[in-house]
Protein backbone atom coordinates (compact mmCIF):
# COMPACT_ATOMS: atom_id res chain seq x y z
CA MET A 1 0.00 0.00 0.00
CA SER A 2 1.40 3.39 -0.97
CA LYS A 3 1.94 6.15 1.56
CA ARG A 4 -0.80 8.20 -0.11
CA THR A 5 -3.34 5.37 0.07
CA ARG A 6 -2.41 4.65 3.68
CA SER A 7 -2.83 8.33 4.52
CA GLN A 8 -6.25 8.48 2.87
CA THR A 9 -7.36 5.37 4.74
CA LEU A 10 -6.22 6.82 8.07
CA ASN A 11 -8.09 10.08 7.35
CA ARG A 12 -11.31 8.20 6.56
CA ASN A 13 -10.97 6.12 9.71
CA SER A 14 -10.33 9.26 11.74
CA GLN A 15 -13.41 11.00 10.29
CA LEU A 16 -15.55 7.90 10.92
CA SER A 17 -14.31 7.73 14.50
CA GLN A 18 -15.10 11.41 15.06
CA HIS A 19 -18.56 10.93 13.56
CA ASN A 20 -19.29 7.96 15.83
CA THR A 21 -18.00 9.89 18.84
CA THR A 22 -20.24 12.86 17.98
CA ASN A 23 -23.29 10.60 17.67
CA GLU A 24 -22.46 8.98 20.98
CA ASP A 25 -22.04 12.37 22.67
CA ASP A 26 -25.36 13.58 21.26
CA ALA A 27 -27.10 10.45 22.55
CA ASN A 28 -25.57 10.93 26.00
CA LEU A 29 -26.64 14.58 26.13
CA LYS A 30 -30.17 13.66 25.05
CA ASP A 31 -30.29 11.10 27.84
CA TYR A 32 -29.15 13.73 30.34
CA VAL A 33 -31.83 16.13 29.08
CA ASN A 34 -34.58 13.52 29.50
CA LYS A 35 -33.39 12.60 32.98
CA CYS A 36 -33.27 16.29 33.93
CA VAL A 37 -36.84 16.85 32.68
CA ARG A 38 -38.16 13.88 34.66
CA TYR A 39 -36.38 15.03 37.80
CA LEU A 40 -37.60 18.63 37.54
CA ILE A 41 -41.20 17.45 37.03
CA TYR A 42 -40.85 15.19 40.06
CA ARG A 43 -39.46 18.04 42.16
CA SER A 44 -42.05 20.54 40.95
CA GLY A 45 -44.55 18.95 43.32
CA SER A 46 -42.72 20.44 46.29
CA ASN A 47 -42.81 23.97 44.82
CA GLU A 48 -39.33 24.51 46.26
CA PRO A 49 -36.24 25.57 44.27
CA VAL A 50 -33.97 22.88 42.87
CA LYS A 51 -30.33 23.76 43.52
CA LYS A 52 -27.67 23.34 40.84
CA ALA A 53 -25.70 21.16 43.24
CA GLU A 54 -28.74 18.91 43.68
CA LEU A 55 -29.13 18.49 39.92
CA LYS A 56 -25.43 17.75 39.45
CA LYS A 57 -25.49 15.21 42.26
CA ASN A 58 -28.68 13.36 41.30
CA VAL A 59 -29.02 13.53 37.51
CA LEU A 60 -26.25 15.58 35.90
CA SER A 61 -23.10 14.13 37.38
CA ASN A 62 -20.02 14.34 35.14
CA ILE A 63 -21.87 16.69 32.78
CA GLY A 64 -19.10 19.28 33.01
CA LYS A 65 -19.30 22.23 30.66
CA ASN A 66 -22.52 20.92 29.07
CA PHE A 67 -24.60 21.73 32.16
CA ASP A 68 -26.05 24.98 30.77
CA PHE A 69 -26.83 23.30 27.44
CA VAL A 70 -28.74 20.47 29.12
CA ILE A 71 -30.68 22.89 31.34
CA LYS A 72 -31.62 24.97 28.28
CA LYS A 73 -32.89 21.92 26.39
CA ALA A 74 -34.75 20.63 29.47
CA GLY A 75 -36.38 24.04 29.86
CA ASP A 76 -37.52 23.97 26.22
CA ILE A 77 -39.18 20.56 26.71
CA LEU A 78 -40.83 21.61 29.97
CA ASP A 79 -42.27 24.67 28.23
CA LYS A 80 -43.44 23.07 24.97
CA VAL A 81 -44.58 19.69 26.28
CA TYR A 82 -45.63 20.20 29.90
CA GLY A 83 -46.56 23.89 30.08
CA PHE A 84 -43.93 24.72 32.71
CA LYS A 85 -41.37 27.49 32.60
CA LEU A 86 -37.98 26.86 34.15
CA VAL A 87 -36.84 30.00 35.94
CA ALA A 88 -33.38 30.69 37.37
CA CYS A 89 -33.32 31.91 40.98
CA ASP A 90 -30.72 34.20 42.49
CA ASP A 91 -29.52 31.45 44.83
CA ASN A 92 -28.08 29.12 42.15
CA GLY A 93 -31.26 27.17 41.72
CA TYR A 94 -34.30 26.77 39.51
CA ILE A 95 -38.07 26.73 39.95
CA THR A 96 -40.74 25.42 37.61
CA VAL A 97 -43.74 27.73 37.41
CA GLN A 98 -47.24 27.72 35.97
CA ASN A 99 -49.75 30.55 35.99
CA ILE A 100 -52.05 30.27 38.97
CA ASP A 101 -55.65 29.97 37.84
CA SER A 102 -56.74 32.03 40.79
CA ASN A 103 -59.47 34.05 39.04
CA ILE A 104 -58.49 37.09 41.06
CA ASN A 105 -61.50 39.07 39.82
CA GLU A 106 -63.72 36.84 41.96
CA LEU A 107 -61.43 36.85 44.98
CA LYS A 108 -63.41 39.35 47.02
CA HIS A 109 -66.59 37.37 46.41
CA ASN A 110 -64.90 34.09 47.33
CA ILE A 111 -63.49 35.18 50.67
CA ASN A 112 -66.94 36.37 51.78
CA ASP A 113 -68.77 33.36 50.37
CA GLU A 114 -69.89 30.43 52.48
CA ASN A 115 -68.59 28.14 49.73
CA ILE A 116 -64.88 28.21 50.44
CA PRO A 117 -62.70 27.69 47.31
CA ALA A 118 -61.22 24.22 46.94
CA ASP A 119 -57.66 25.52 47.12
CA ILE A 120 -57.92 28.08 49.88
CA LYS A 121 -54.15 28.57 50.04
CA LYS A 122 -54.23 30.25 46.62
CA VAL A 123 -56.65 32.82 47.98
CA LEU A 124 -54.34 33.53 50.91
CA ILE A 125 -51.34 33.84 48.58
CA MET A 126 -53.19 36.37 46.42
CA LEU A 127 -54.33 38.40 49.43
CA ILE A 128 -50.79 38.65 50.80
CA LEU A 129 -49.23 39.50 47.44
CA THR A 130 -51.91 42.12 46.84
CA ASN A 131 -51.14 43.78 50.17
CA ILE A 132 -47.40 43.84 49.46
CA PHE A 133 -47.84 45.18 45.93
CA MET A 134 -50.27 47.94 46.89
CA SER A 135 -48.03 49.03 49.79
CA LYS A 136 -45.27 49.97 47.31
CA ASN A 137 -42.60 49.27 49.94
CA PRO A 138 -41.58 46.12 51.84
CA VAL A 139 -44.41 45.19 54.20
CA SER A 140 -43.62 44.55 57.84
CA GLU A 141 -44.88 41.46 59.61
CA ALA A 142 -46.95 43.64 61.92
CA SER A 143 -48.51 45.50 58.99
CA LEU A 144 -49.37 42.25 57.20
CA CYS A 145 -51.02 40.89 60.35
CA MET A 146 -53.11 44.05 60.65
CA PHE A 147 -54.18 43.72 57.01
CA LEU A 148 -55.26 40.11 57.48
CA ASN A 149 -57.12 41.00 60.66
CA THR A 150 -59.16 43.60 58.76
CA LEU A 151 -60.33 40.73 56.52
CA GLY A 152 -61.35 38.69 59.53
CA ILE A 153 -58.31 36.41 59.25
CA ASN A 154 -56.44 35.98 62.53
CA PRO A 155 -52.79 35.09 61.83
CA ASP A 156 -52.38 33.78 65.39
CA TYR A 157 -55.30 31.35 65.14
CA ASP A 158 -54.18 27.89 64.03
CA LYS A 159 -57.53 26.16 63.58
CA GLY A 160 -59.19 28.32 60.94
CA ILE A 161 -59.74 27.40 57.29
CA PHE A 162 -56.29 28.76 56.42
CA GLY A 163 -54.45 26.67 59.02
CA LYS A 164 -51.26 27.98 60.64
CA ILE A 165 -50.97 31.25 58.75
CA LYS A 166 -47.67 32.45 60.18
CA ASP A 167 -45.99 29.16 59.31
CA PHE A 168 -47.52 29.25 55.84
CA VAL A 169 -46.23 32.79 55.25
CA ASN A 170 -42.80 32.56 56.87
CA ILE A 171 -41.93 29.03 55.77
CA THR A 172 -44.06 27.75 52.87
CA MET A 173 -44.41 30.96 50.84
CA VAL A 174 -40.73 31.73 51.32
CA LYS A 175 -39.64 28.24 50.26
CA GLN A 176 -41.91 28.39 47.24
CA ASN A 177 -40.44 31.78 46.23
CA TYR A 178 -43.72 33.68 46.37
CA ILE A 179 -42.19 36.11 48.85
CA VAL A 180 -38.77 37.01 50.20
CA LEU A 181 -38.46 37.44 53.97
CA GLN A 182 -36.01 40.13 55.07
CA THR A 183 -34.82 40.68 58.65
CA ASP A 184 -33.23 43.98 59.67
CA SER A 185 -29.86 43.27 61.28
CA ILE A 186 -30.36 45.95 63.94
CA SER A 187 -34.07 46.17 64.71
CA LYS A 188 -34.76 42.51 63.79
CA GLU A 189 -37.94 43.71 62.10
CA VAL A 190 -39.28 41.21 59.55
CA THR A 191 -40.48 42.53 56.20
CA TYR A 192 -41.74 40.90 52.99
CA ILE A 193 -41.33 41.59 49.28
CA TRP A 194 -42.43 39.69 46.17
CA GLY A 195 -40.34 36.63 45.28
CA ALA A 196 -39.25 35.26 41.90
CA ARG A 197 -42.24 32.93 41.49
CA ALA A 198 -44.73 35.74 42.15
CA GLU A 199 -42.98 38.05 39.67
CA ARG A 200 -43.23 35.39 36.95
CA THR A 201 -46.73 34.03 37.56
CA ILE A 202 -48.88 36.78 39.09
CA SER A 203 -50.18 39.60 36.90
CA LYS A 204 -49.91 42.96 38.65
CA HIS A 205 -52.53 44.35 36.28
CA LYS A 206 -55.01 41.73 37.51
CA ILE A 207 -54.25 42.74 41.08
CA LEU A 208 -54.96 46.38 40.23
CA ASN A 209 -58.22 45.41 38.51
CA PHE A 210 -59.22 43.45 41.60
CA VAL A 211 -58.45 46.37 43.93
CA SER A 212 -60.30 48.77 41.64
CA LYS A 213 -63.44 46.67 41.87
CA ILE A 214 -63.22 46.73 45.66
CA TYR A 215 -63.12 50.55 45.62
CA GLY A 216 -65.82 50.63 42.96
CA ASP A 217 -65.20 54.10 41.56
CA LYS A 218 -61.47 53.93 40.83
CA GLN A 219 -59.57 52.98 37.70
CA PRO A 220 -56.34 50.91 37.90
CA SER A 221 -54.39 53.93 36.66
CA SER A 222 -55.46 55.84 39.80
CA TRP A 223 -52.55 54.16 41.59
CA GLU A 224 -49.86 55.70 39.42
CA SER A 225 -46.71 54.00 40.74
CA GLN A 226 -48.34 50.56 40.90
CA TYR A 227 -49.79 51.03 37.41
CA GLN A 228 -46.36 51.93 36.03
CA GLU A 229 -44.87 48.89 37.76
CA ALA A 230 -47.56 46.67 36.26
CA ASN A 231 -46.79 48.04 32.80
CA GLN A 232 -43.10 47.45 33.39
CA GLN A 233 -43.83 43.84 34.31
CA PHE A 234 -45.27 43.26 30.84
CA ASP A 235 -42.52 45.27 29.15
CA ASP A 236 -39.89 43.06 30.79
CA THR A 237 -41.54 39.80 29.69
CA ASN A 238 -39.10 39.35 26.82
CA ASN A 239 -36.12 40.29 28.97
CA VAL A 240 -36.60 37.95 31.91
CA GLN A 241 -34.30 34.96 32.16
CA GLU A 242 -36.57 32.17 31.05
CA ILE A 243 -34.55 29.04 30.37
């Protein structure tokens, strides 16, 4: 065999080897993507963030530099197939979110109705988020308790239809990223602001429409700063980090 023929043969073998390696790599990445999707769906039931370290440990070990690629592909599948959006949190984690079908326009009617909604926790979430949003600034724990009391909801009463409200607010809603709990280092005062899940799933315009109906004679634009913030929420839709 001539040197030229031998060289051509080696080149073909090298190209074939590279092709087979590429196909094998693609198959491995696809497998990682599918495993990641299944794991995120499984974890979505807890409504708590999934840490990057948790993903790497349980489903994406040895993924190396392809981690972001796999997460992107998993997010695409979750969105197109399952109706979830995979959202990056500030604490190196991810949450899967769906729009809450809370029907906020009927919220005032529901909380005064004898027929309590099937998922009463959603009503409580919307009430708390409404109070925080309309306050414009972080809401103190004392202020939130006063607001709930005006609605006939006692945060210190553990046996009502809402259950242990303080635990639900300070533990569950925080873990589920509906709110962020902040504690002043000096005064130790606890305050609340909207969390990442609320920002992505709760329409501020719907909250304003709900509040307007309570007042009866006011338009949503009457609350200028909140109205501008609601408009900004829609303007930023294409800029948020949806994976």
